[in-house]
N, C-alpha and C. Protein backbone atom coordinates (compact mmCIF):
# COMPACT_ATOMS: atom_id res chain seq x y z
N MET A 1 58.98 -43.11 -62.50
CA MET A 1 58.34 -44.01 -61.53
C MET A 1 57.06 -44.57 -62.12
N THR A 2 56.92 -45.86 -62.07
CA THR A 2 55.74 -46.49 -62.64
C THR A 2 54.56 -46.36 -61.69
N ASN A 3 53.37 -46.57 -62.27
CA ASN A 3 52.18 -46.53 -61.44
C ASN A 3 52.22 -47.59 -60.35
N ALA A 4 52.79 -48.77 -60.70
CA ALA A 4 52.85 -49.87 -59.74
C ALA A 4 53.72 -49.50 -58.55
N SER A 5 54.92 -48.90 -58.84
CA SER A 5 55.82 -48.54 -57.74
C SER A 5 55.24 -47.41 -56.91
N PHE A 6 54.50 -46.49 -57.55
CA PHE A 6 53.89 -45.37 -56.82
C PHE A 6 52.82 -45.89 -55.86
N SER A 7 51.97 -46.81 -56.37
CA SER A 7 50.89 -47.32 -55.52
C SER A 7 51.44 -48.15 -54.37
N ALA A 8 52.57 -48.83 -54.60
CA ALA A 8 53.15 -49.65 -53.55
C ALA A 8 53.64 -48.79 -52.40
N LYS A 9 54.06 -47.53 -52.69
CA LYS A 9 54.60 -46.66 -51.65
C LYS A 9 53.55 -45.74 -51.06
N SER A 10 52.34 -45.74 -51.60
CA SER A 10 51.29 -44.87 -51.07
C SER A 10 50.86 -45.38 -49.69
N PRO A 11 50.54 -44.44 -48.79
CA PRO A 11 50.08 -44.89 -47.46
C PRO A 11 48.73 -45.58 -47.58
N PRO A 12 48.46 -46.49 -46.67
CA PRO A 12 47.16 -47.17 -46.73
C PRO A 12 46.03 -46.18 -46.50
N THR A 13 44.93 -46.40 -47.20
CA THR A 13 43.80 -45.50 -47.04
C THR A 13 43.13 -45.74 -45.70
N LYS A 14 42.64 -44.66 -45.11
CA LYS A 14 41.94 -44.77 -43.83
C LYS A 14 40.62 -45.50 -44.04
N PRO A 15 40.35 -46.50 -43.20
CA PRO A 15 39.08 -47.21 -43.38
C PRO A 15 37.89 -46.30 -43.10
N ARG A 16 36.82 -46.52 -43.85
CA ARG A 16 35.62 -45.73 -43.61
C ARG A 16 35.04 -46.05 -42.24
N ASN A 17 34.33 -45.06 -41.69
CA ASN A 17 33.73 -45.28 -40.37
C ASN A 17 32.82 -46.50 -40.36
N ALA A 18 32.08 -46.70 -41.46
CA ALA A 18 31.15 -47.83 -41.53
C ALA A 18 31.89 -49.17 -41.48
N GLU A 19 33.18 -49.17 -41.90
CA GLU A 19 33.96 -50.39 -41.86
C GLU A 19 34.51 -50.65 -40.45
N ARG A 20 34.68 -49.60 -39.67
CA ARG A 20 35.24 -49.71 -38.32
C ARG A 20 34.17 -49.93 -37.26
N ARG A 21 32.98 -49.38 -37.49
CA ARG A 21 31.89 -49.52 -36.52
C ARG A 21 30.56 -49.50 -37.27
N THR A 22 29.57 -50.17 -36.72
CA THR A 22 28.29 -50.32 -37.42
C THR A 22 27.41 -49.08 -37.31
N ARG A 23 27.69 -48.20 -36.34
CA ARG A 23 26.89 -46.98 -36.18
C ARG A 23 27.75 -45.89 -35.57
N GLU A 24 27.27 -44.67 -35.66
CA GLU A 24 28.05 -43.52 -35.22
C GLU A 24 27.50 -42.89 -33.94
N TYR A 25 26.79 -43.67 -33.15
CA TYR A 25 26.27 -43.14 -31.89
C TYR A 25 26.31 -44.25 -30.84
N LEU A 26 26.10 -43.88 -29.59
CA LEU A 26 26.06 -44.84 -28.50
C LEU A 26 24.66 -44.88 -27.91
N THR A 27 24.28 -46.01 -27.38
CA THR A 27 23.01 -46.13 -26.67
C THR A 27 23.21 -45.60 -25.24
N PRO A 28 22.13 -45.27 -24.55
CA PRO A 28 22.28 -44.83 -23.14
C PRO A 28 23.02 -45.85 -22.28
N ALA A 29 22.78 -47.14 -22.49
CA ALA A 29 23.48 -48.17 -21.71
C ALA A 29 24.97 -48.16 -22.00
N GLU A 30 25.34 -47.93 -23.26
CA GLU A 30 26.75 -47.87 -23.63
C GLU A 30 27.42 -46.64 -23.03
N VAL A 31 26.70 -45.52 -23.01
CA VAL A 31 27.26 -44.31 -22.38
C VAL A 31 27.48 -44.55 -20.90
N GLU A 32 26.53 -45.19 -20.25
CA GLU A 32 26.66 -45.49 -18.83
C GLU A 32 27.88 -46.38 -18.59
N ALA A 33 28.08 -47.37 -19.45
CA ALA A 33 29.24 -48.25 -19.34
C ALA A 33 30.53 -47.47 -19.55
N LEU A 34 30.51 -46.53 -20.47
CA LEU A 34 31.67 -45.70 -20.77
C LEU A 34 32.04 -44.84 -19.56
N VAL A 35 31.03 -44.21 -18.96
CA VAL A 35 31.25 -43.36 -17.78
C VAL A 35 31.79 -44.20 -16.62
N SER A 36 31.20 -45.35 -16.40
CA SER A 36 31.64 -46.23 -15.31
C SER A 36 33.07 -46.70 -15.51
N ALA A 37 33.42 -47.04 -16.76
CA ALA A 37 34.78 -47.49 -17.06
C ALA A 37 35.78 -46.35 -16.86
N ALA A 38 35.42 -45.15 -17.32
CA ALA A 38 36.31 -44.00 -17.18
C ALA A 38 36.61 -43.72 -15.71
N ARG A 39 35.61 -43.91 -14.86
CA ARG A 39 35.76 -43.62 -13.43
C ARG A 39 36.80 -44.51 -12.78
N GLU A 40 37.03 -45.69 -13.36
CA GLU A 40 37.93 -46.67 -12.75
C GLU A 40 39.35 -46.61 -13.30
N ILE A 41 39.60 -45.73 -14.27
CA ILE A 41 40.91 -45.71 -14.92
C ILE A 41 41.80 -44.61 -14.32
N GLY A 42 42.90 -45.00 -13.73
CA GLY A 42 43.94 -44.07 -13.32
C GLY A 42 43.54 -43.06 -12.24
N ARG A 43 44.40 -42.03 -12.11
CA ARG A 43 44.23 -41.02 -11.05
C ARG A 43 43.15 -40.01 -11.37
N TYR A 44 42.77 -39.92 -12.64
CA TYR A 44 41.85 -38.86 -13.06
C TYR A 44 40.48 -39.43 -13.45
N GLY A 45 40.11 -40.51 -12.79
CA GLY A 45 38.87 -41.19 -13.13
C GLY A 45 37.64 -40.30 -13.00
N HIS A 46 37.55 -39.55 -11.92
CA HIS A 46 36.37 -38.70 -11.74
C HIS A 46 36.32 -37.60 -12.80
N ARG A 47 37.46 -36.98 -13.06
CA ARG A 47 37.50 -35.94 -14.11
C ARG A 47 37.07 -36.51 -15.45
N ASN A 48 37.59 -37.68 -15.81
CA ASN A 48 37.29 -38.27 -17.11
C ASN A 48 35.84 -38.71 -17.22
N ALA A 49 35.31 -39.27 -16.13
CA ALA A 49 33.90 -39.68 -16.14
C ALA A 49 32.99 -38.47 -16.27
N THR A 50 33.34 -37.39 -15.58
CA THR A 50 32.54 -36.15 -15.66
C THR A 50 32.62 -35.55 -17.06
N LEU A 51 33.78 -35.61 -17.67
CA LEU A 51 33.97 -35.13 -19.03
C LEU A 51 33.03 -35.85 -19.99
N ILE A 52 33.00 -37.16 -19.91
CA ILE A 52 32.15 -37.95 -20.80
C ILE A 52 30.68 -37.66 -20.53
N LEU A 53 30.31 -37.58 -19.27
CA LEU A 53 28.93 -37.29 -18.90
C LEU A 53 28.48 -35.94 -19.47
N MET A 54 29.32 -34.92 -19.34
CA MET A 54 28.96 -33.59 -19.83
C MET A 54 28.89 -33.55 -21.35
N MET A 55 29.80 -34.25 -22.03
CA MET A 55 29.76 -34.29 -23.49
C MET A 55 28.47 -34.93 -23.97
N TYR A 56 28.03 -35.98 -23.26
CA TYR A 56 26.80 -36.69 -23.63
C TYR A 56 25.57 -35.86 -23.31
N ARG A 57 25.46 -35.38 -22.09
CA ARG A 57 24.24 -34.69 -21.66
C ARG A 57 24.03 -33.37 -22.40
N HIS A 58 25.11 -32.74 -22.86
CA HIS A 58 24.98 -31.42 -23.48
C HIS A 58 25.48 -31.40 -24.93
N ALA A 59 25.70 -32.59 -25.49
CA ALA A 59 26.08 -32.72 -26.90
C ALA A 59 27.27 -31.84 -27.25
N LEU A 60 28.29 -31.88 -26.39
CA LEU A 60 29.45 -31.01 -26.58
C LEU A 60 30.45 -31.63 -27.55
N ARG A 61 30.93 -30.82 -28.46
CA ARG A 61 32.03 -31.23 -29.33
C ARG A 61 33.33 -31.19 -28.52
N VAL A 62 34.37 -31.80 -29.08
CA VAL A 62 35.66 -31.86 -28.39
C VAL A 62 36.15 -30.46 -28.01
N THR A 63 36.16 -29.55 -28.97
CA THR A 63 36.68 -28.21 -28.70
C THR A 63 35.78 -27.44 -27.74
N GLU A 64 34.49 -27.69 -27.80
CA GLU A 64 33.56 -27.03 -26.88
C GLU A 64 33.81 -27.44 -25.44
N VAL A 65 34.07 -28.72 -25.22
CA VAL A 65 34.32 -29.17 -23.85
C VAL A 65 35.73 -28.78 -23.41
N SER A 66 36.67 -28.75 -24.34
CA SER A 66 38.02 -28.31 -24.01
C SER A 66 38.04 -26.85 -23.56
N HIS A 67 37.20 -26.02 -24.17
CA HIS A 67 37.14 -24.59 -23.86
C HIS A 67 36.13 -24.25 -22.75
N LEU A 68 35.51 -25.25 -22.17
CA LEU A 68 34.48 -25.00 -21.15
C LEU A 68 35.12 -24.40 -19.89
N ARG A 69 34.62 -23.25 -19.50
CA ARG A 69 35.16 -22.53 -18.34
C ARG A 69 34.14 -22.55 -17.19
N TRP A 70 34.65 -22.40 -15.98
CA TRP A 70 33.77 -22.38 -14.82
C TRP A 70 32.84 -21.19 -14.82
N ASP A 71 33.25 -20.08 -15.46
CA ASP A 71 32.36 -18.91 -15.47
C ASP A 71 31.17 -19.10 -16.41
N LEU A 72 31.12 -20.21 -17.13
CA LEU A 72 29.96 -20.55 -17.96
C LEU A 72 28.99 -21.48 -17.22
N ILE A 73 29.36 -21.86 -16.01
CA ILE A 73 28.55 -22.79 -15.22
C ILE A 73 28.09 -22.11 -13.94
N ASP A 74 26.80 -22.16 -13.71
CA ASP A 74 26.23 -21.61 -12.48
C ASP A 74 25.69 -22.78 -11.66
N LEU A 75 26.47 -23.20 -10.67
CA LEU A 75 26.09 -24.36 -9.87
C LEU A 75 24.91 -24.06 -8.96
N LYS A 76 24.77 -22.82 -8.54
CA LYS A 76 23.64 -22.46 -7.67
C LYS A 76 22.32 -22.47 -8.43
N MET A 77 22.33 -21.94 -9.64
CA MET A 77 21.12 -21.91 -10.47
C MET A 77 20.97 -23.18 -11.31
N ALA A 78 21.99 -24.03 -11.28
CA ALA A 78 21.99 -25.29 -12.04
C ALA A 78 21.83 -25.04 -13.54
N LEU A 79 22.73 -24.19 -14.08
CA LEU A 79 22.69 -23.83 -15.50
C LEU A 79 24.09 -23.90 -16.09
N ILE A 80 24.13 -24.23 -17.38
CA ILE A 80 25.38 -24.16 -18.14
C ILE A 80 25.12 -23.36 -19.41
N HIS A 81 25.99 -22.40 -19.67
CA HIS A 81 25.91 -21.59 -20.90
C HIS A 81 26.77 -22.29 -21.95
N VAL A 82 26.13 -22.80 -22.97
CA VAL A 82 26.82 -23.59 -23.99
C VAL A 82 27.18 -22.70 -25.17
N ARG A 83 28.46 -22.55 -25.40
CA ARG A 83 28.95 -21.81 -26.57
C ARG A 83 29.26 -22.81 -27.66
N ARG A 84 28.56 -22.71 -28.76
CA ARG A 84 28.73 -23.66 -29.85
C ARG A 84 29.78 -23.17 -30.85
N LEU A 85 30.45 -24.13 -31.46
CA LEU A 85 31.38 -23.85 -32.55
C LEU A 85 30.67 -24.14 -33.87
N LYS A 86 31.42 -24.04 -34.96
CA LYS A 86 30.88 -24.29 -36.30
C LYS A 86 29.65 -23.43 -36.57
N SER A 87 29.68 -22.18 -36.13
CA SER A 87 28.56 -21.24 -36.33
C SER A 87 27.28 -21.74 -35.67
N GLY A 88 27.43 -22.57 -34.65
CA GLY A 88 26.26 -23.08 -33.95
C GLY A 88 25.60 -22.02 -33.09
N VAL A 89 24.37 -22.30 -32.70
CA VAL A 89 23.59 -21.35 -31.90
C VAL A 89 23.85 -21.60 -30.42
N PRO A 90 24.30 -20.59 -29.67
CA PRO A 90 24.53 -20.79 -28.24
C PRO A 90 23.21 -20.96 -27.50
N SER A 91 23.25 -21.59 -26.34
CA SER A 91 22.04 -21.82 -25.56
C SER A 91 22.40 -21.99 -24.09
N VAL A 92 21.37 -22.02 -23.27
CA VAL A 92 21.54 -22.27 -21.84
C VAL A 92 20.80 -23.56 -21.51
N HIS A 93 21.51 -24.51 -20.92
CA HIS A 93 20.93 -25.80 -20.57
C HIS A 93 20.81 -25.92 -19.05
N PRO A 94 19.78 -26.60 -18.59
CA PRO A 94 19.72 -26.91 -17.15
C PRO A 94 20.71 -28.02 -16.81
N LEU A 95 21.21 -27.98 -15.60
CA LEU A 95 22.05 -29.06 -15.08
C LEU A 95 21.22 -29.88 -14.10
N HIS A 96 21.39 -31.19 -14.16
CA HIS A 96 20.61 -32.07 -13.30
C HIS A 96 21.51 -32.73 -12.26
N GLY A 97 20.89 -33.47 -11.35
CA GLY A 97 21.59 -34.03 -10.20
C GLY A 97 22.93 -34.67 -10.45
N PRO A 98 23.03 -35.67 -11.35
CA PRO A 98 24.34 -36.33 -11.56
C PRO A 98 25.42 -35.36 -12.03
N GLU A 99 25.06 -34.43 -12.91
CA GLU A 99 26.04 -33.45 -13.39
C GLU A 99 26.46 -32.50 -12.29
N LEU A 100 25.49 -32.00 -11.53
CA LEU A 100 25.79 -31.05 -10.45
C LEU A 100 26.71 -31.68 -9.41
N ARG A 101 26.41 -32.90 -9.00
CA ARG A 101 27.26 -33.57 -8.01
C ARG A 101 28.67 -33.79 -8.55
N ALA A 102 28.76 -34.21 -9.81
CA ALA A 102 30.07 -34.46 -10.41
C ALA A 102 30.87 -33.17 -10.56
N LEU A 103 30.21 -32.09 -10.97
CA LEU A 103 30.90 -30.82 -11.16
C LEU A 103 31.35 -30.22 -9.83
N ARG A 104 30.50 -30.31 -8.81
CA ARG A 104 30.89 -29.79 -7.49
C ARG A 104 32.14 -30.51 -6.97
N ARG A 105 32.14 -31.81 -7.12
CA ARG A 105 33.31 -32.59 -6.68
C ARG A 105 34.54 -32.21 -7.49
N LEU A 106 34.37 -32.04 -8.79
CA LEU A 106 35.49 -31.68 -9.66
C LEU A 106 36.06 -30.32 -9.27
N LYS A 107 35.19 -29.37 -8.96
CA LYS A 107 35.65 -28.03 -8.58
C LYS A 107 36.45 -28.08 -7.28
N THR A 108 36.06 -28.97 -6.39
CA THR A 108 36.79 -29.14 -5.13
C THR A 108 38.16 -29.76 -5.39
N GLN A 109 38.22 -30.68 -6.34
CA GLN A 109 39.47 -31.35 -6.65
C GLN A 109 40.46 -30.43 -7.36
N TYR A 110 39.93 -29.47 -8.14
CA TYR A 110 40.79 -28.57 -8.91
C TYR A 110 40.42 -27.12 -8.58
N PRO A 111 40.70 -26.66 -7.38
CA PRO A 111 40.30 -25.30 -6.98
C PRO A 111 41.08 -24.22 -7.72
N GLY A 112 40.39 -23.12 -8.00
CA GLY A 112 41.05 -21.97 -8.60
C GLY A 112 41.33 -22.08 -10.08
N MET A 113 40.81 -23.11 -10.74
CA MET A 113 41.06 -23.28 -12.18
C MET A 113 40.02 -22.51 -12.99
N ALA A 114 40.46 -21.92 -14.09
CA ALA A 114 39.53 -21.21 -14.97
C ALA A 114 38.74 -22.18 -15.84
N TYR A 115 39.41 -23.27 -16.26
CA TYR A 115 38.78 -24.24 -17.14
C TYR A 115 38.28 -25.44 -16.34
N VAL A 116 37.23 -26.04 -16.80
CA VAL A 116 36.60 -27.14 -16.06
C VAL A 116 37.44 -28.41 -16.14
N PHE A 117 37.91 -28.75 -17.33
CA PHE A 117 38.64 -30.00 -17.53
C PHE A 117 40.10 -29.68 -17.85
N VAL A 118 40.96 -29.92 -16.86
CA VAL A 118 42.36 -29.52 -16.99
C VAL A 118 43.30 -30.71 -16.80
N SER A 119 44.50 -30.52 -17.32
CA SER A 119 45.56 -31.50 -17.14
C SER A 119 46.19 -31.29 -15.76
N GLU A 120 47.16 -32.15 -15.43
CA GLU A 120 47.81 -32.00 -14.12
C GLU A 120 48.62 -30.71 -14.04
N ARG A 121 48.91 -30.09 -15.18
CA ARG A 121 49.60 -28.80 -15.18
C ARG A 121 48.64 -27.63 -15.07
N GLY A 122 47.35 -27.91 -15.11
CA GLY A 122 46.36 -26.85 -14.97
C GLY A 122 45.91 -26.23 -16.27
N SER A 123 46.39 -26.74 -17.39
CA SER A 123 45.97 -26.22 -18.69
C SER A 123 44.78 -27.01 -19.21
N PRO A 124 43.96 -26.41 -20.08
CA PRO A 124 42.80 -27.15 -20.60
C PRO A 124 43.23 -28.43 -21.31
N LEU A 125 42.44 -29.47 -21.17
CA LEU A 125 42.73 -30.71 -21.89
C LEU A 125 42.74 -30.45 -23.39
N THR A 126 43.67 -31.02 -24.08
CA THR A 126 43.74 -30.87 -25.53
C THR A 126 42.73 -31.79 -26.20
N ALA A 127 42.43 -31.50 -27.45
CA ALA A 127 41.54 -32.37 -28.22
C ALA A 127 42.09 -33.78 -28.29
N ARG A 128 43.39 -33.90 -28.44
CA ARG A 128 44.02 -35.22 -28.52
C ARG A 128 43.82 -35.99 -27.21
N ALA A 129 43.99 -35.30 -26.08
CA ALA A 129 43.82 -35.95 -24.79
C ALA A 129 42.37 -36.41 -24.60
N ILE A 130 41.42 -35.59 -25.01
CA ILE A 130 40.00 -35.94 -24.87
C ILE A 130 39.67 -37.16 -25.72
N ARG A 131 40.16 -37.19 -26.95
CA ARG A 131 39.92 -38.35 -27.81
C ARG A 131 40.52 -39.62 -27.19
N HIS A 132 41.69 -39.47 -26.59
CA HIS A 132 42.37 -40.61 -25.97
C HIS A 132 41.56 -41.11 -24.77
N ILE A 133 41.05 -40.19 -23.96
CA ILE A 133 40.24 -40.57 -22.79
C ILE A 133 39.01 -41.37 -23.22
N VAL A 134 38.32 -40.88 -24.24
CA VAL A 134 37.10 -41.55 -24.70
C VAL A 134 37.43 -42.91 -25.31
N LEU A 135 38.47 -42.98 -26.12
CA LEU A 135 38.86 -44.24 -26.75
C LEU A 135 39.24 -45.28 -25.69
N CYS A 136 40.06 -44.89 -24.73
CA CYS A 136 40.50 -45.84 -23.69
C CYS A 136 39.34 -46.27 -22.81
N SER A 137 38.40 -45.36 -22.56
CA SER A 137 37.22 -45.71 -21.76
C SER A 137 36.36 -46.73 -22.50
N GLY A 138 36.25 -46.56 -23.82
CA GLY A 138 35.50 -47.52 -24.63
C GLY A 138 36.13 -48.89 -24.60
N GLU A 139 37.46 -48.92 -24.64
CA GLU A 139 38.17 -50.20 -24.58
C GLU A 139 37.99 -50.85 -23.21
N ALA A 140 38.07 -50.03 -22.15
CA ALA A 140 37.90 -50.56 -20.79
C ALA A 140 36.47 -51.05 -20.56
N ALA A 141 35.51 -50.40 -21.22
CA ALA A 141 34.10 -50.82 -21.12
C ALA A 141 33.80 -52.03 -22.00
N GLU A 142 34.81 -52.44 -22.79
CA GLU A 142 34.69 -53.59 -23.68
C GLU A 142 33.57 -53.41 -24.70
N LEU A 143 33.43 -52.16 -25.19
CA LEU A 143 32.49 -51.94 -26.27
C LEU A 143 33.06 -52.57 -27.54
N PRO A 144 32.21 -53.10 -28.41
CA PRO A 144 32.70 -53.90 -29.54
C PRO A 144 33.19 -53.10 -30.74
N PHE A 145 33.44 -51.80 -30.54
CA PHE A 145 33.93 -50.96 -31.64
C PHE A 145 34.69 -49.79 -31.02
N PRO A 146 35.60 -49.18 -31.79
CA PRO A 146 36.32 -48.02 -31.25
C PRO A 146 35.38 -46.83 -31.07
N VAL A 147 35.52 -46.14 -29.95
CA VAL A 147 34.63 -45.03 -29.61
C VAL A 147 35.36 -43.71 -29.81
N HIS A 148 34.70 -42.75 -30.43
CA HIS A 148 35.27 -41.41 -30.57
C HIS A 148 34.30 -40.39 -29.95
N PRO A 149 34.79 -39.22 -29.56
CA PRO A 149 33.96 -38.26 -28.82
C PRO A 149 32.68 -37.83 -29.51
N HIS A 150 32.69 -37.71 -30.84
CA HIS A 150 31.50 -37.20 -31.52
C HIS A 150 30.33 -38.18 -31.40
N MET A 151 30.62 -39.42 -31.08
CA MET A 151 29.55 -40.39 -30.87
C MET A 151 28.69 -39.99 -29.67
N LEU A 152 29.27 -39.27 -28.73
CA LEU A 152 28.52 -38.81 -27.56
C LEU A 152 27.52 -37.72 -27.96
N ARG A 153 27.91 -36.86 -28.87
CA ARG A 153 27.00 -35.83 -29.37
C ARG A 153 25.83 -36.48 -30.12
N HIS A 154 26.14 -37.44 -30.97
CA HIS A 154 25.08 -38.16 -31.67
C HIS A 154 24.19 -38.93 -30.69
N ALA A 155 24.82 -39.50 -29.66
CA ALA A 155 24.05 -40.24 -28.65
C ALA A 155 23.02 -39.34 -27.98
N CYS A 156 23.40 -38.10 -27.72
CA CYS A 156 22.48 -37.14 -27.13
C CYS A 156 21.30 -36.88 -28.06
N GLY A 157 21.59 -36.65 -29.33
CA GLY A 157 20.53 -36.38 -30.31
C GLY A 157 19.55 -37.54 -30.42
N PHE A 158 20.08 -38.76 -30.48
CA PHE A 158 19.20 -39.93 -30.60
C PHE A 158 18.43 -40.18 -29.31
N TYR A 159 19.06 -39.91 -28.17
CA TYR A 159 18.34 -40.07 -26.90
C TYR A 159 17.13 -39.14 -26.85
N LEU A 160 17.33 -37.88 -27.22
CA LEU A 160 16.23 -36.92 -27.19
C LEU A 160 15.14 -37.31 -28.18
N ALA A 161 15.54 -37.75 -29.37
CA ALA A 161 14.55 -38.16 -30.38
C ALA A 161 13.74 -39.36 -29.89
N ASN A 162 14.42 -40.33 -29.27
CA ASN A 162 13.72 -41.51 -28.76
C ASN A 162 12.81 -41.19 -27.59
N ARG A 163 13.07 -40.08 -26.91
CA ARG A 163 12.19 -39.63 -25.84
C ARG A 163 10.95 -38.93 -26.40
N GLY A 164 10.93 -38.72 -27.71
CA GLY A 164 9.80 -38.05 -28.33
C GLY A 164 9.90 -36.55 -28.34
N VAL A 165 11.09 -36.01 -28.05
CA VAL A 165 11.29 -34.56 -28.09
C VAL A 165 11.17 -34.08 -29.53
N ASP A 166 10.49 -32.96 -29.74
CA ASP A 166 10.27 -32.49 -31.11
C ASP A 166 11.57 -32.00 -31.75
N THR A 167 11.58 -32.06 -33.07
CA THR A 167 12.80 -31.77 -33.83
C THR A 167 13.32 -30.36 -33.57
N ARG A 168 12.43 -29.38 -33.46
CA ARG A 168 12.86 -28.00 -33.24
C ARG A 168 13.58 -27.85 -31.91
N THR A 169 13.07 -28.50 -30.87
CA THR A 169 13.72 -28.44 -29.56
C THR A 169 15.09 -29.09 -29.60
N ILE A 170 15.18 -30.24 -30.28
CA ILE A 170 16.47 -30.91 -30.42
C ILE A 170 17.45 -30.01 -31.18
N GLN A 171 16.96 -29.36 -32.22
CA GLN A 171 17.80 -28.45 -33.00
C GLN A 171 18.41 -27.38 -32.10
N HIS A 172 17.59 -26.76 -31.26
CA HIS A 172 18.08 -25.70 -30.38
C HIS A 172 19.02 -26.25 -29.31
N TYR A 173 18.71 -27.43 -28.80
CA TYR A 173 19.54 -28.03 -27.76
C TYR A 173 20.93 -28.36 -28.28
N LEU A 174 20.99 -28.88 -29.52
CA LEU A 174 22.28 -29.22 -30.12
C LEU A 174 22.97 -28.02 -30.77
N GLY A 175 22.23 -26.91 -30.93
CA GLY A 175 22.84 -25.71 -31.49
C GLY A 175 22.94 -25.70 -32.99
N HIS A 176 22.12 -26.51 -33.68
CA HIS A 176 22.16 -26.53 -35.14
C HIS A 176 21.48 -25.28 -35.71
N ARG A 177 22.12 -24.63 -36.65
CA ARG A 177 21.46 -23.53 -37.36
C ARG A 177 20.49 -24.07 -38.41
N ASN A 178 20.88 -25.15 -39.04
CA ASN A 178 20.07 -25.76 -40.09
C ASN A 178 19.35 -26.99 -39.53
N ILE A 179 18.04 -26.99 -39.58
CA ILE A 179 17.28 -28.10 -39.00
C ILE A 179 17.52 -29.42 -39.75
N GLN A 180 18.02 -29.34 -40.98
CA GLN A 180 18.32 -30.57 -41.72
C GLN A 180 19.38 -31.41 -41.02
N HIS A 181 20.25 -30.75 -40.24
CA HIS A 181 21.27 -31.49 -39.50
C HIS A 181 20.65 -32.24 -38.32
N THR A 182 19.45 -31.82 -37.93
CA THR A 182 18.77 -32.42 -36.77
C THR A 182 17.84 -33.54 -37.19
N VAL A 183 17.33 -33.47 -38.40
CA VAL A 183 16.29 -34.40 -38.86
C VAL A 183 16.75 -35.85 -38.78
N ARG A 184 18.04 -36.11 -38.96
CA ARG A 184 18.52 -37.49 -38.96
C ARG A 184 18.19 -38.21 -37.67
N TYR A 185 18.16 -37.47 -36.56
CA TYR A 185 17.87 -38.11 -35.27
C TYR A 185 16.42 -38.57 -35.19
N THR A 186 15.51 -37.73 -35.63
CA THR A 186 14.10 -38.11 -35.57
C THR A 186 13.75 -39.14 -36.65
N GLU A 187 14.45 -39.07 -37.79
CA GLU A 187 14.18 -40.04 -38.86
C GLU A 187 14.53 -41.46 -38.44
N LEU A 188 15.56 -41.62 -37.62
CA LEU A 188 16.01 -42.96 -37.23
C LEU A 188 15.47 -43.39 -35.87
N ALA A 189 14.67 -42.55 -35.24
CA ALA A 189 14.15 -42.90 -33.91
C ALA A 189 13.05 -43.94 -34.02
N PRO A 190 13.22 -45.12 -33.42
CA PRO A 190 12.18 -46.15 -33.50
C PRO A 190 10.90 -45.76 -32.76
N GLN A 191 11.00 -44.80 -31.84
CA GLN A 191 9.84 -44.39 -31.05
C GLN A 191 8.69 -43.93 -31.92
N ARG A 192 9.00 -43.34 -33.10
CA ARG A 192 7.92 -42.82 -33.94
C ARG A 192 7.11 -43.94 -34.58
N PHE A 193 7.61 -45.18 -34.53
CA PHE A 193 6.87 -46.32 -35.09
C PHE A 193 6.16 -47.13 -34.00
N SER A 194 6.26 -46.69 -32.75
CA SER A 194 5.84 -47.55 -31.63
C SER A 194 4.35 -47.84 -31.63
N ASP A 195 3.52 -46.97 -32.20
CA ASP A 195 2.07 -47.17 -32.16
C ASP A 195 1.48 -47.75 -33.45
N LEU A 196 2.34 -48.26 -34.33
CA LEU A 196 1.85 -48.75 -35.61
C LEU A 196 1.15 -50.12 -35.47
N TRP A 197 1.50 -50.86 -34.43
CA TRP A 197 0.90 -52.18 -34.21
C TRP A 197 0.23 -52.20 -32.84
N GLU A 198 -0.94 -52.77 -32.76
CA GLU A 198 -1.70 -52.74 -31.53
C GLU A 198 -1.34 -53.84 -30.55
N ASP A 199 -0.67 -54.89 -31.02
CA ASP A 199 -0.36 -55.99 -30.12
C ASP A 199 0.99 -55.77 -29.45
């Protein structure tokens, strides 16, 4: 087999992320549009909107949100126990009004379930299903690039950095063991340049 015939039969290379989208995070306005769009799609709009909201607010990876159980959430104390993957550091996050209202409604809709985000059969949503929900919500929101779930985690990091939250706090919130993984958020935050000009 010649090199020419081999290359002709090779599968096309996957385009780099930079070729498919200009950045790897979403702005708060884009997240809001994503949540709103998810709410309007199909029979599971509230579940899907809550899923996206929780992934954004708590920087949850796909597998972390798939494995999220009700016994990790205390609605009375307004707390969520976040178990991180990839050797990440676990933490406890406060829950705020929009999340609490969404979660209470979700629990009413799916009573007796061990997992927070379930399919119609009652099993935890798969990683593939979660990616599909986020992608379709991005299309419905008419965002100008394909959206994947990890963009919500990055969106959380950049939101906190733009709020002026210190790097160490962001590190603990996202569960990074190595602070070098957190530095990218503060390095790209325009907020740190806001006082350079007086006018």
